[in-house]
Amino acid sequence: MNVIGIKNIVRKDIPLHYREEFTGLAVLNDIRSIESENNIEFSLERTPFGTKQVEIRFTKAPDYPVIQAIRILKKYILTMEKEGKLY
């Protein structure tokens, strides 16, 4: 399973300075090379130790293993954040 991208990313306005929340459309490619789009909500939270923690929620259950999808989406989101593509 591969992440093709996350489209239509919208940042939610929340009053916490250490937490950012977003919504978007995750485009994934499974092992059969079938693309699927799923609405997701995700957040980035800075811990007291300086690391970033990612939480992902699917608004509708996908047709593939959720744990694997969450794992690859977390890596993709952290890479996007490091490259400054979330802002």
PDB file of N, CA and C in Angstrom:
ATOM      1  N   MET A   1       0.836  -1.170   0.000  1.00  0.00           N
ATOM      2  CA  MET A   1       0.000   0.000   0.000  1.00  0.00           C
ATOM      3  C   MET A   1       0.887   1.241   0.000  1.00  0.00           C
ATOM      4  N   ASN A   2       0.530   2.211  -0.843  1.00  0.00           N
ATOM      5  CA  ASN A   2       1.292   3.451  -0.967  1.00  0.00           C
ATOM      6  C   ASN A   2       0.370   4.649  -0.830  1.00  0.00           C
ATOM      7  N   VAL A   3       0.931   5.728  -0.336  1.00  0.00           N
ATOM      8  CA  VAL A   3       0.202   6.994  -0.284  1.00  0.00           C
ATOM      9  C   VAL A   3       0.528   7.761  -1.550  1.00  0.00           C
ATOM     10  N   ILE A   4      -0.484   8.110  -2.305  1.00  0.00           N
ATOM     11  CA  ILE A   4      -0.289   8.928  -3.500  1.00  0.00           C
ATOM     12  C   ILE A   4      -0.275  10.397  -3.108  1.00  0.00           C
ATOM     13  N   GLY A   5      -1.105  10.756  -2.151  1.00  0.00           N
ATOM     14  CA  GLY A   5      -1.129  12.133  -1.680  1.00  0.00           C
ATOM     15  C   GLY A   5      -2.297  12.385  -0.757  1.00  0.00           C
ATOM     16  N   ILE A   6      -2.313  13.582  -0.204  1.00  0.00           N
ATOM     17  CA  ILE A   6      -3.443  14.048   0.598  1.00  0.00           C
ATOM     18  C   ILE A   6      -3.904  15.348  -0.034  1.00  0.00           C
ATOM     19  N   LYS A   7      -5.155  15.361  -0.482  1.00  0.00           N
ATOM     20  CA  LYS A   7      -5.704  16.523  -1.178  1.00  0.00           C
ATOM     21  C   LYS A   7      -6.637  17.296  -0.255  1.00  0.00           C
ATOM     22  N   ASN A   8      -6.912  18.520  -0.638  1.00  0.00           N
ATOM     23  CA  ASN A   8      -7.897  19.373   0.033  1.00  0.00           C
ATOM     24  C   ASN A   8      -7.640  19.482   1.537  1.00  0.00           C
ATOM     25  N   ILE A   9      -6.403  19.738   1.912  1.00  0.00           N
ATOM     26  CA  ILE A   9      -6.059  19.856   3.327  1.00  0.00           C
ATOM     27  C   ILE A   9      -6.567  21.194   3.854  1.00  0.00           C
ATOM     28  N   VAL A  10      -7.346  21.120   4.938  1.00  0.00           N
ATOM     29  CA  VAL A  10      -7.886  22.315   5.572  1.00  0.00           C
ATOM     30  C   VAL A  10      -7.488  22.281   7.043  1.00  0.00           C
ATOM     31  N   ARG A  11      -6.894  23.373   7.506  1.00  0.00           N
ATOM     32  CA  ARG A  11      -6.485  23.464   8.907  1.00  0.00           C
ATOM     33  C   ARG A  11      -7.644  24.003   9.731  1.00  0.00           C
ATOM     34  N   LYS A  12      -7.955  23.315  10.823  1.00  0.00           N
ATOM     35  CA  LYS A  12      -9.001  23.769  11.734  1.00  0.00           C
ATOM     36  C   LYS A  12      -8.417  24.814  12.666  1.00  0.00           C
ATOM     37  N   ASP A  13      -9.231  25.783  13.022  1.00  0.00           N
ATOM     38  CA  ASP A  13      -8.793  26.838  13.936  1.00  0.00           C
ATOM     39  C   ASP A  13      -9.128  26.422  15.363  1.00  0.00           C
ATOM     40  N   ILE A  14      -8.095  26.055  16.128  1.00  0.00           N
ATOM     41  CA  ILE A  14      -8.296  25.672  17.523  1.00  0.00           C
ATOM     42  C   ILE A  14      -7.400  26.544  18.400  1.00  0.00           C
ATOM     43  N   PRO A  15      -7.771  26.758  19.669  1.00  0.00           N
ATOM     44  CA  PRO A  15      -7.018  27.688  20.517  1.00  0.00           C
ATOM     45  C   PRO A  15      -5.724  27.138  21.118  1.00  0.00           C
ATOM     46  N   LEU A  16      -5.413  25.886  20.927  1.00  0.00           N
ATOM     47  CA  LEU A  16      -4.199  25.306  21.506  1.00  0.00           C
ATOM     48  C   LEU A  16      -3.006  25.547  20.595  1.00  0.00           C
ATOM     49  N   HIS A  17      -1.912  26.081  21.150  1.00  0.00           N
ATOM     50  CA  HIS A  17      -0.745  26.396  20.320  1.00  0.00           C
ATOM     51  C   HIS A  17       0.140  25.182  20.054  1.00  0.00           C
ATOM     52  N   TYR A  18       0.005  24.117  20.822  1.00  0.00           N
ATOM     53  CA  TYR A  18       0.844  22.932  20.644  1.00  0.00           C
ATOM     54  C   TYR A  18       0.154  21.831  19.840  1.00  0.00           C
ATOM     55  N   ARG A  19      -1.072  22.082  19.392  1.00  0.00           N
ATOM     56  CA  ARG A  19      -1.824  21.072  18.642  1.00  0.00           C
ATOM     57  C   ARG A  19      -2.423  21.713  17.396  1.00  0.00           C
ATOM     58  N   GLU A  20      -2.290  21.007  16.271  1.00  0.00           N
ATOM     59  CA  GLU A  20      -2.869  21.467  15.018  1.00  0.00           C
ATOM     60  C   GLU A  20      -3.761  20.354  14.478  1.00  0.00           C
ATOM     61  N   GLU A  21      -4.952  20.726  14.015  1.00  0.00           N
ATOM     62  CA  GLU A  21      -5.888  19.739  13.484  1.00  0.00           C
ATOM     63  C   GLU A  21      -6.210  20.071  12.035  1.00  0.00           C
ATOM     64  N   PHE A  22      -6.334  19.016  11.227  1.00  0.00           N
ATOM     65  CA  PHE A  22      -6.557  19.161   9.797  1.00  0.00           C
ATOM     66  C   PHE A  22      -7.612  18.165   9.330  1.00  0.00           C
ATOM     67  N   THR A  23      -8.195  18.463   8.186  1.00  0.00           N
ATOM     68  CA  THR A  23      -9.022  17.500   7.466  1.00  0.00           C
ATOM     69  C   THR A  23      -8.460  17.408   6.054  1.00  0.00           C
ATOM     70  N   GLY A  24      -8.709  16.293   5.403  1.00  0.00           N
ATOM     71  CA  GLY A  24      -8.195  16.129   4.043  1.00  0.00           C
ATOM     72  C   GLY A  24      -8.745  14.880   3.393  1.00  0.00           C
ATOM     73  N   LEU A  25      -8.324  14.673   2.181  1.00  0.00           N
ATOM     74  CA  LEU A  25      -8.736  13.524   1.386  1.00  0.00           C
ATOM     75  C   LEU A  25      -7.488  12.710   1.052  1.00  0.00           C
ATOM     76  N   ALA A  26      -7.344  11.553   1.698  1.00  0.00           N
ATOM     77  CA  ALA A  26      -6.175  10.696   1.487  1.00  0.00           C
ATOM     78  C   ALA A  26      -6.388   9.836   0.250  1.00  0.00           C
ATOM     79  N   VAL A  27      -5.408   9.858  -0.642  1.00  0.00           N
ATOM     80  CA  VAL A  27      -5.448   9.030  -1.848  1.00  0.00           C
ATOM     81  C   VAL A  27      -4.412   7.923  -1.667  1.00  0.00           C
ATOM     82  N   LEU A  28      -4.901   6.670  -1.613  1.00  0.00           N
ATOM     83  CA  LEU A  28      -4.038   5.515  -1.376  1.00  0.00           C
ATOM     84  C   LEU A  28      -4.123   4.548  -2.549  1.00  0.00           C
ATOM     85  N   ASN A  29      -3.054   3.814  -2.741  1.00  0.00           N
ATOM     86  CA  ASN A  29      -2.956   2.812  -3.799  1.00  0.00           C
ATOM     87  C   ASN A  29      -2.684   1.476  -3.112  1.00  0.00           C
ATOM     88  N   ASP A  30      -3.581   0.495  -3.264  1.00  0.00           N
ATOM     89  CA  ASP A  30      -3.375  -0.780  -2.593  1.00  0.00           C
ATOM     90  C   ASP A  30      -2.528  -1.725  -3.450  1.00  0.00           C
ATOM     91  N   ILE A  31      -2.338  -2.958  -2.984  1.00  0.00           N
ATOM     92  CA  ILE A  31      -1.446  -3.895  -3.680  1.00  0.00           C
ATOM     93  C   ILE A  31      -1.985  -4.330  -5.034  1.00  0.00           C
ATOM     94  N   ARG A  32      -3.276  -4.133  -5.273  1.00  0.00           N
ATOM     95  CA  ARG A  32      -3.854  -4.456  -6.582  1.00  0.00           C
ATOM     96  C   ARG A  32      -3.810  -3.258  -7.522  1.00  0.00           C
ATOM     97  N   SER A  33      -3.108  -2.200  -7.117  1.00  0.00           N
ATOM     98  CA  SER A  33      -2.973  -0.952  -7.884  1.00  0.00           C
ATOM     99  C   SER A  33      -4.307  -0.249  -8.087  1.00  0.00           C
ATOM    100  N   ILE A  34      -5.192  -0.378  -7.105  1.00  0.00           N
ATOM    101  CA  ILE A  34      -6.482   0.307  -7.149  1.00  0.00           C
ATOM    102  C   ILE A  34      -6.398   1.534  -6.248  1.00  0.00           C
ATOM    103  N   GLU A  35      -6.665   2.701  -6.819  1.00  0.00           N
ATOM    104  CA  GLU A  35      -6.652   3.931  -6.042  1.00  0.00           C
ATOM    105  C   GLU A  35      -7.970   4.101  -5.312  1.00  0.00           C
ATOM    106  N   SER A  36      -7.876   4.602  -4.088  1.00  0.00           N
ATOM    107  CA  SER A  36      -9.083   4.907  -3.332  1.00  0.00           C
ATOM    108  C   SER A  36      -8.872   6.220  -2.582  1.00  0.00           C
ATOM    109  N   GLU A  37      -9.944   6.950  -2.422  1.00  0.00           N
ATOM    110  CA  GLU A  37      -9.909   8.227  -1.712  1.00  0.00           C
ATOM    111  C   GLU A  37     -10.756   8.100  -0.459  1.00  0.00           C
ATOM    112  N   ASN A  38     -10.207   8.559   0.660  1.00  0.00           N
ATOM    113  CA  ASN A  38     -10.898   8.488   1.940  1.00  0.00           C
ATOM    114  C   ASN A  38     -10.750   9.805   2.676  1.00  0.00           C
ATOM    115  N   ASN A  39     -11.845  10.279   3.245  1.00  0.00           N
ATOM    116  CA  ASN A  39     -11.796  11.472   4.077  1.00  0.00           C
ATOM    117  C   ASN A  39     -11.140  11.113   5.401  1.00  0.00           C
ATOM    118  N   ILE A  40     -10.195  11.950   5.812  1.00  0.00           N
ATOM    119  CA  ILE A  40      -9.508  11.731   7.082  1.00  0.00           C
ATOM    120  C   ILE A  40      -9.496  13.019   7.885  1.00  0.00           C
ATOM    121  N   GLU A  41      -9.342  12.854   9.177  1.00  0.00           N
ATOM    122  CA  GLU A  41      -9.054  13.951  10.090  1.00  0.00           C
ATOM    123  C   GLU A  41      -7.757  13.572  10.775  1.00  0.00           C
ATOM    124  N   PHE A  42      -6.831  14.513  10.870  1.00  0.00           N
ATOM    125  CA  PHE A  42      -5.572  14.200  11.536  1.00  0.00           C
ATOM    126  C   PHE A  42      -5.091  15.381  12.339  1.00  0.00           C
ATOM    127  N   SER A  43      -4.274  15.084  13.324  1.00  0.00           N
ATOM    128  CA  SER A  43      -3.743  16.135  14.186  1.00  0.00           C
ATOM    129  C   SER A  43      -2.262  15.896  14.420  1.00  0.00           C
ATOM    130  N   LEU A  44      -1.561  16.987  14.613  1.00  0.00           N
ATOM    131  CA  LEU A  44      -0.146  16.973  14.987  1.00  0.00           C
ATOM    132  C   LEU A  44      -0.047  17.633  16.350  1.00  0.00           C
ATOM    133  N   GLU A  45       0.563  16.936  17.290  1.00  0.00           N
ATOM    134  CA  GLU A  45       0.698  17.490  18.634  1.00  0.00           C
ATOM    135  C   GLU A  45       2.156  17.442  19.050  1.00  0.00           C
ATOM    136  N   ARG A  46       2.647  18.566  19.530  1.00  0.00           N
ATOM    137  CA  ARG A  46       4.023  18.631  20.016  1.00  0.00           C
ATOM    138  C   ARG A  46       4.027  18.207  21.478  1.00  0.00           C
ATOM    139  N   THR A  47       4.845  17.211  21.789  1.00  0.00           N
ATOM    140  CA  THR A  47       4.936  16.716  23.157  1.00  0.00           C
ATOM    141  C   THR A  47       5.875  17.609  23.963  1.00  0.00           C
ATOM    142  N   PRO A  48       5.862  17.492  25.285  1.00  0.00           N
ATOM    143  CA  PRO A  48       6.792  18.294  26.103  1.00  0.00           C
ATOM    144  C   PRO A  48       8.263  18.002  25.807  1.00  0.00           C
ATOM    145  N   PHE A  49       8.543  16.868  25.182  1.00  0.00           N
ATOM    146  CA  PHE A  49       9.927  16.501  24.865  1.00  0.00           C
ATOM    147  C   PHE A  49      10.374  16.985  23.494  1.00  0.00           C
ATOM    148  N   GLY A  50       9.494  17.683  22.764  1.00  0.00           N
ATOM    149  CA  GLY A  50       9.855  18.238  21.465  1.00  0.00           C
ATOM    150  C   GLY A  50       9.541  17.355  20.279  1.00  0.00           C
ATOM    151  N   THR A  51       9.035  16.156  20.505  1.00  0.00           N
ATOM    152  CA  THR A  51       8.667  15.279  19.396  1.00  0.00           C
ATOM    153  C   THR A  51       7.246  15.610  18.929  1.00  0.00           C
ATOM    154  N   LYS A  52       6.874  15.083  17.796  1.00  0.00           N
ATOM    155  CA  LYS A  52       5.541  15.313  17.254  1.00  0.00           C
ATOM    156  C   LYS A  52       4.791  13.994  17.178  1.00  0.00           C
ATOM    157  N   GLN A  53       3.561  14.029  17.623  1.00  0.00           N
ATOM    158  CA  GLN A  53       2.723  12.843  17.617  1.00  0.00           C
ATOM    159  C   GLN A  53       1.581  13.065  16.634  1.00  0.00           C
ATOM    160  N   VAL A  54       1.321  12.079  15.789  1.00  0.00           N
ATOM    161  CA  VAL A  54       0.280  12.177  14.769  1.00  0.00           C
ATOM    162  C   VAL A  54      -0.865  11.244  15.130  1.00  0.00           C
ATOM    163  N   GLU A  55      -2.075  11.770  15.077  1.00  0.00           N
ATOM    164  CA  GLU A  55      -3.284  10.970  15.263  1.00  0.00           C
ATOM    165  C   GLU A  55      -4.097  11.070  13.979  1.00  0.00           C
ATOM    166  N   ILE A  56      -4.616   9.932  13.498  1.00  0.00           N
ATOM    167  CA  ILE A  56      -5.386   9.903  12.248  1.00  0.00           C
ATOM    168  C   ILE A  56      -6.705   9.188  12.505  1.00  0.00           C
ATOM    169  N   ARG A  57      -7.779   9.766  11.957  1.00  0.00           N
ATOM    170  CA  ARG A  57      -9.096   9.148  12.044  1.00  0.00           C
ATOM    171  C   ARG A  57      -9.724   9.137  10.658  1.00  0.00           C
ATOM    172  N   PHE A  58     -10.215   7.990  10.258  1.00  0.00           N
ATOM    173  CA  PHE A  58     -10.973   7.881   9.016  1.00  0.00           C
ATOM    174  C   PHE A  58     -12.432   8.208   9.340  1.00  0.00           C
ATOM    175  N   THR A  59     -13.064   9.046   8.522  1.00  0.00           N
ATOM    176  CA  THR A  59     -14.463   9.372   8.771  1.00  0.00           C
ATOM    177  C   THR A  59     -15.382   8.228   8.365  1.00  0.00           C
ATOM    178  N   LYS A  60     -14.901   7.361   7.478  1.00  0.00           N
ATOM    179  CA  LYS A  60     -15.627   6.168   7.052  1.00  0.00           C
ATOM    180  C   LYS A  60     -14.605   5.035   6.957  1.00  0.00           C
ATOM    181  N   ALA A  61     -14.980   3.853   7.393  1.00  0.00           N
ATOM    182  CA  ALA A  61     -14.049   2.726   7.389  1.00  0.00           C
ATOM    183  C   ALA A  61     -13.614   2.391   5.959  1.00  0.00           C
ATOM    184  N   PRO A  62     -12.298   2.322   5.706  1.00  0.00           N
ATOM    185  CA  PRO A  62     -11.815   1.986   4.359  1.00  0.00           C
ATOM    186  C   PRO A  62     -11.955   0.496   4.067  1.00  0.00           C
ATOM    187  N   ASP A  63     -11.737   0.129   2.809  1.00  0.00           N
ATOM    188  CA  ASP A  63     -11.861  -1.262   2.359  1.00  0.00           C
ATOM    189  C   ASP A  63     -10.540  -2.028   2.436  1.00  0.00           C
ATOM    190  N   TYR A  64      -9.605  -1.569   3.215  1.00  0.00           N
ATOM    191  CA  TYR A  64      -8.311  -2.216   3.324  1.00  0.00           C
ATOM    192  C   TYR A  64      -7.862  -2.159   4.773  1.00  0.00           C
ATOM    193  N   PRO A  65      -6.781  -2.827   5.128  1.00  0.00           N
ATOM    194  CA  PRO A  65      -6.331  -2.854   6.532  1.00  0.00           C
ATOM    195  C   PRO A  65      -6.055  -1.447   7.079  1.00  0.00           C
ATOM    196  N   VAL A  66      -6.782  -1.087   8.107  1.00  0.00           N
ATOM    197  CA  VAL A  66      -6.698   0.263   8.668  1.00  0.00           C
ATOM    198  C   VAL A  66      -5.361   0.510   9.347  1.00  0.00           C
ATOM    199  N   ILE A  67      -4.841  -0.458  10.069  1.00  0.00           N
ATOM    200  CA  ILE A  67      -3.590  -0.262  10.806  1.00  0.00           C
ATOM    201  C   ILE A  67      -2.445   0.033   9.854  1.00  0.00           C
ATOM    202  N   GLN A  68      -2.371  -0.689   8.759  1.00  0.00           N
ATOM    203  CA  GLN A  68      -1.318  -0.436   7.772  1.00  0.00           C
ATOM    204  C   GLN A  68      -1.488   0.937   7.137  1.00  0.00           C
ATOM    205  N   ALA A  69      -2.727   1.323   6.842  1.00  0.00           N
ATOM    206  CA  ALA A  69      -2.979   2.628   6.238  1.00  0.00           C
ATOM    207  C   ALA A  69      -2.590   3.752   7.191  1.00  0.00           C
ATOM    208  N   ILE A  70      -2.921   3.606   8.459  1.00  0.00           N
ATOM    209  CA  ILE A  70      -2.569   4.634   9.447  1.00  0.00           C
ATOM    210  C   ILE A  70      -1.058   4.751   9.579  1.00  0.00           C
ATOM    211  N   ARG A  71      -0.363   3.627   9.589  1.00  0.00           N
ATOM    212  CA  ARG A  71       1.102   3.650   9.731  1.00  0.00           C
ATOM    213  C   ARG A  71       1.773   4.395   8.578  1.00  0.00           C
ATOM    214  N   ILE A  72       1.355   4.121   7.341  1.00  0.00           N
ATOM    215  CA  ILE A  72       2.000   4.800   6.218  1.00  0.00           C
ATOM    216  C   ILE A  72       1.551   6.263   6.114  1.00  0.00           C
ATOM    217  N   LEU A  73       0.309   6.562   6.516  1.00  0.00           N
ATOM    218  CA  LEU A  73      -0.144   7.947   6.505  1.00  0.00           C
ATOM    219  C   LEU A  73       0.592   8.785   7.547  1.00  0.00           C
ATOM    220  N   LYS A  74       0.888   8.217   8.708  1.00  0.00           N
ATOM    221  CA  LYS A  74       1.642   8.954   9.733  1.00  0.00           C
ATOM    222  C   LYS A  74       3.013   9.359   9.207  1.00  0.00           C
ATOM    223  N   LYS A  75       3.703   8.418   8.552  1.00  0.00           N
ATOM    224  CA  LYS A  75       5.019   8.738   7.986  1.00  0.00           C
ATOM    225  C   LYS A  75       4.897   9.834   6.923  1.00  0.00           C
ATOM    226  N   TYR A  76       3.885   9.727   6.088  1.00  0.00           N
ATOM    227  CA  TYR A  76       3.681  10.703   5.015  1.00  0.00           C
ATOM    228  C   TYR A  76       3.376  12.090   5.586  1.00  0.00           C
ATOM    229  N   ILE A  77       2.538  12.149   6.606  1.00  0.00           N
ATOM    230  CA  ILE A  77       2.167  13.431   7.220  1.00  0.00           C
ATOM    231  C   ILE A  77       3.369  14.072   7.911  1.00  0.00           C
ATOM    232  N   LEU A  78       4.166  13.284   8.602  1.00  0.00           N
ATOM    233  CA  LEU A  78       5.369  13.836   9.243  1.00  0.00           C
ATOM    234  C   LEU A  78       6.352  14.375   8.205  1.00  0.00           C
ATOM    235  N   THR A  79       6.476  13.700   7.080  1.00  0.00           N
ATOM    236  CA  THR A  79       7.338  14.189   6.001  1.00  0.00           C
ATOM    237  C   THR A  79       6.791  15.493   5.430  1.00  0.00           C
ATOM    238  N   MET A  80       5.479  15.563   5.219  1.00  0.00           N
ATOM    239  CA  MET A  80       4.877  16.801   4.729  1.00  0.00           C
ATOM    240  C   MET A  80       5.104  17.963   5.689  1.00  0.00           C
ATOM    241  N   GLU A  81       5.005  17.679   6.984  1.00  0.00           N
ATOM    242  CA  GLU A  81       5.187  18.723   7.999  1.00  0.00           C
ATOM    243  C   GLU A  81       6.634  19.206   8.009  1.00  0.00           C
ATOM    244  N   LYS A  82       7.590  18.302   7.883  1.00  0.00           N
ATOM    245  CA  LYS A  82       9.011  18.670   7.873  1.00  0.00           C
ATOM    246  C   LYS A  82       9.335  19.524   6.646  1.00  0.00           C
ATOM    247  N   GLU A  83       8.668  19.244   5.518  1.00  0.00           N
ATOM    248  CA  GLU A  83       8.911  20.002   4.293  1.00  0.00           C
ATOM    249  C   GLU A  83       8.096  21.295   4.246  1.00  0.00           C
ATOM    250  N   GLY A  84       7.250  21.529   5.240  1.00  0.00           N
ATOM    251  CA  GLY A  84       6.456  22.753   5.295  1.00  0.00           C
ATOM    252  C   GLY A  84       5.260  22.778   4.368  1.00  0.00           C
ATOM    253  N   LYS A  85       4.734  21.615   3.994  1.00  0.00           N
ATOM    254  CA  LYS A  85       3.621  21.545   3.060  1.00  0.00           C
ATOM    255  C   LYS A  85       2.242  21.579   3.733  1.00  0.00           C
ATOM    256  N   LEU A  86       2.193  21.607   5.046  1.00  0.00           N
ATOM    257  CA  LEU A  86       0.909  21.633   5.736  1.00  0.00           C
ATOM    258  C   LEU A  86       0.420  23.056   6.032  1.00  0.00           C
ATOM    259  N   TYR A  87       1.275  24.042   5.780  1.00  0.00           N
ATOM    260  CA  TYR A  87       0.902  25.410   6.175  1.00  0.00           C
ATOM    261  C   TYR A  87       0.680  26.294   4.984  1.00  0.00           C
TER     262      TYR A  87
END
